[in-house]
Amino acid sequence: MGTTVKVAFATSDMKHVDQHFGAAEAFAIYAIDQDSADLVEAVQFGQLDMDGNEDKLAAKIDALSDCIAVYCQAIGASAVNQLRPKGIQPVKVAAGTPLGNAICSLQTEMREGPSAWLARAIESQNPQHASRFDAMEAEGWSE
């Protein structure tokens, strides 16, 4: 596949996925491909209450604009409804999941065959590939 994607993890300690999306103190953003993962940014928000205040979601969603997914221990329907149109897949994992385990799992999926959401996200990262069938047809290829 060879594609590098950015993925965010809701974390308080930069080691575990241990935050609810809406109350996340920070996101660790990694650039991940099949074989490597590099921390590219840590976005800090400080402590926030889960008070139903939708305004705090905008800054978080904006911080994830280059990400294909955000791993968190929980997420509300409103946040999901705002993330998905921006091409960001929310992924719920067990509280305390080590970032390394989540990254390894994603890399394995990238190597062995991505799920539907991951395949769509990777395809959106490579728009030149999206038109490859049109190009093949223009060259006279047919089924």
Protein backbone atom coordinates (compact mmCIF):
# COMPACT_ATOMS: atom_id res chain seq x y z
CA MET A 1 0.00 0.00 0.00
CA GLY A 2 2.83 2.43 0.85
CA THR A 3 0.58 5.20 2.09
CA THR A 4 1.26 7.23 5.20
CA VAL A 5 -1.80 8.36 7.13
CA LYS A 6 -2.23 10.59 10.15
CA VAL A 7 -4.10 9.19 13.12
CA ALA A 8 -4.94 10.87 16.43
CA PHE A 9 -5.16 9.27 19.86
CA ALA A 10 -7.09 10.86 22.77
CA THR A 11 -4.62 10.67 25.64
CA SER A 12 -3.69 12.25 28.93
CA ASP A 13 -0.21 10.70 29.21
CA MET A 14 0.92 10.29 25.56
CA LYS A 15 1.13 6.53 26.16
CA HIS A 16 -2.45 5.27 26.44
CA VAL A 17 -5.83 5.91 24.83
CA ASP A 18 -7.57 6.97 28.02
CA GLN A 19 -9.80 9.92 27.15
CA HIS A 20 -13.35 10.56 26.01
CA PHE A 21 -13.20 12.56 22.77
CA GLY A 22 -15.17 15.53 24.13
CA ALA A 23 -13.12 15.79 27.33
CA ALA A 24 -9.74 14.87 25.84
CA GLU A 25 -6.86 16.84 27.33
CA ALA A 26 -4.63 16.08 24.37
CA PHE A 27 -4.33 14.26 21.08
CA ALA A 28 -1.14 12.51 20.06
CA ILE A 29 -1.03 12.65 16.26
CA TYR A 30 1.07 10.04 14.49
CA ALA A 31 2.09 9.57 10.86
CA ILE A 32 1.68 5.84 10.28
CA ASP A 33 2.52 3.56 7.40
CA GLN A 34 2.79 -0.22 7.21
CA ASP A 35 6.20 -0.31 8.88
CA SER A 36 6.70 2.84 10.92
CA ALA A 37 4.93 5.32 13.16
CA ASP A 38 6.22 8.77 14.06
CA LEU A 39 4.74 11.25 16.50
CA VAL A 40 4.23 14.42 14.46
CA GLU A 41 2.26 16.56 16.87
CA ALA A 42 0.82 16.69 20.37
CA VAL A 43 -2.21 18.97 20.58
CA GLN A 44 -3.00 20.07 24.15
CA PHE A 45 -6.41 21.25 25.33
CA GLY A 46 -6.19 21.08 29.12
CA GLN A 47 -8.90 19.60 31.28
CA LEU A 48 -12.44 19.92 29.99
CA ASP A 49 -15.67 18.70 31.50
CA MET A 50 -18.11 16.52 29.62
CA ASP A 51 -20.80 19.13 29.99
CA GLY A 52 -22.59 18.83 26.67
CA ASN A 53 -21.05 22.11 25.48
CA GLU A 54 -20.77 21.58 21.73
CA ASP A 55 -18.51 24.63 21.22
CA LYS A 56 -15.46 22.81 22.56
CA LEU A 57 -15.78 20.19 19.82
CA ALA A 58 -14.97 22.61 16.99
CA ALA A 59 -11.38 23.23 18.15
CA LYS A 60 -10.79 19.51 18.55
CA ILE A 61 -12.21 18.65 15.17
CA ASP A 62 -10.16 21.42 13.53
CA ALA A 63 -7.00 20.04 15.17
CA LEU A 64 -7.68 16.71 13.45
CA SER A 65 -8.18 18.10 9.96
CA ASP A 66 -5.33 16.03 8.43
CA CYS A 67 -6.21 12.83 10.30
CA ILE A 68 -8.12 9.85 8.92
CA ALA A 69 -9.11 8.58 12.37
CA VAL A 70 -9.22 9.39 16.06
CA TYR A 71 -8.92 6.65 18.66
CA CYS A 72 -10.70 7.33 21.95
CA GLN A 73 -12.29 5.44 24.82
CA ALA A 74 -15.71 6.97 24.15
CA ILE A 75 -17.32 9.53 21.87
CA GLY A 76 -20.73 11.17 21.67
CA ALA A 77 -23.08 11.05 18.71
CA SER A 78 -22.71 14.78 18.04
CA ALA A 79 -18.93 14.46 17.70
CA VAL A 80 -19.30 11.42 15.42
CA ASN A 81 -21.74 13.36 13.24
CA GLN A 82 -19.23 16.21 12.93
CA LEU A 83 -16.15 14.04 12.32
CA ARG A 84 -17.46 11.68 9.64
CA PRO A 85 -18.28 14.35 7.01
CA LYS A 86 -14.69 15.55 7.37
CA GLY A 87 -13.40 12.06 6.60
CA ILE A 88 -12.31 11.33 10.18
CA GLN A 89 -13.28 7.91 11.49
CA PRO A 90 -13.87 7.68 15.25
CA VAL A 91 -12.50 4.43 16.66
CA LYS A 92 -13.53 3.39 20.18
CA VAL A 93 -11.04 1.24 22.08
CA ALA A 94 -10.87 -0.06 25.62
CA ALA A 95 -9.81 2.53 28.19
CA GLY A 96 -6.08 2.37 28.80
CA THR A 97 -5.20 0.77 25.46
CA PRO A 98 -1.48 1.41 24.88
CA LEU A 99 -0.87 3.64 21.85
CA GLY A 100 1.71 1.13 20.64
CA ASN A 101 -0.89 -1.65 20.56
CA ALA A 102 -3.39 0.49 18.64
CA ILE A 103 -0.69 1.53 16.16
CA CYS A 104 0.49 -2.08 15.65
CA SER A 105 -3.09 -3.20 15.07
CA LEU A 106 -3.61 -0.49 12.45
CA GLN A 107 -0.32 -1.35 10.73
CA THR A 108 -1.29 -5.03 10.60
CA GLU A 109 -4.59 -4.05 9.02
CA MET A 110 -2.75 -1.89 6.47
CA ARG A 111 -0.48 -4.82 5.53
CA GLU A 112 -3.07 -7.59 5.50
CA GLY A 113 -5.96 -5.76 3.91
CA PRO A 114 -7.77 -2.74 5.27
CA SER A 115 -11.32 -2.61 6.52
CA ALA A 116 -13.80 -0.61 4.45
CA TRP A 117 -13.31 2.66 6.37
CA LEU A 118 -9.52 2.39 6.21
CA ALA A 119 -9.55 1.55 2.50
CA ARG A 120 -11.73 4.64 1.83
CA ALA A 121 -9.45 6.82 3.95
CA ILE A 122 -6.33 5.62 2.17
CA GLU A 123 -7.98 6.11 -1.21
CA SER A 124 -8.90 9.68 -0.26
CA GLN A 125 -5.23 10.30 0.59
CA ASN A 126 -4.29 9.22 -2.96
CA PRO A 127 -6.75 10.98 -5.28
CA GLN A 128 -4.63 10.18 -8.34
CA HIS A 129 -5.47 6.51 -7.78
CA ALA A 130 -9.18 7.23 -7.63
CA SER A 131 -9.26 8.04 -11.35
CA ARG A 132 -7.08 5.10 -12.43
CA PHE A 133 -10.07 3.18 -13.78
CA ASP A 134 -11.16 6.17 -15.86
CA ALA A 135 -7.65 6.37 -17.29
CA MET A 136 -7.64 2.64 -18.05
CA GLU A 137 -10.97 2.94 -19.82
CA ALA A 138 -9.68 5.88 -21.89
CA GLU A 139 -6.78 3.66 -22.95
CA GLY A 140 -9.22 1.03 -24.23
CA TRP A 141 -9.28 -1.37 -21.29
CA SER A 142 -12.51 -3.20 -20.64
CA GLU A 143 -13.75 -5.89 -18.26
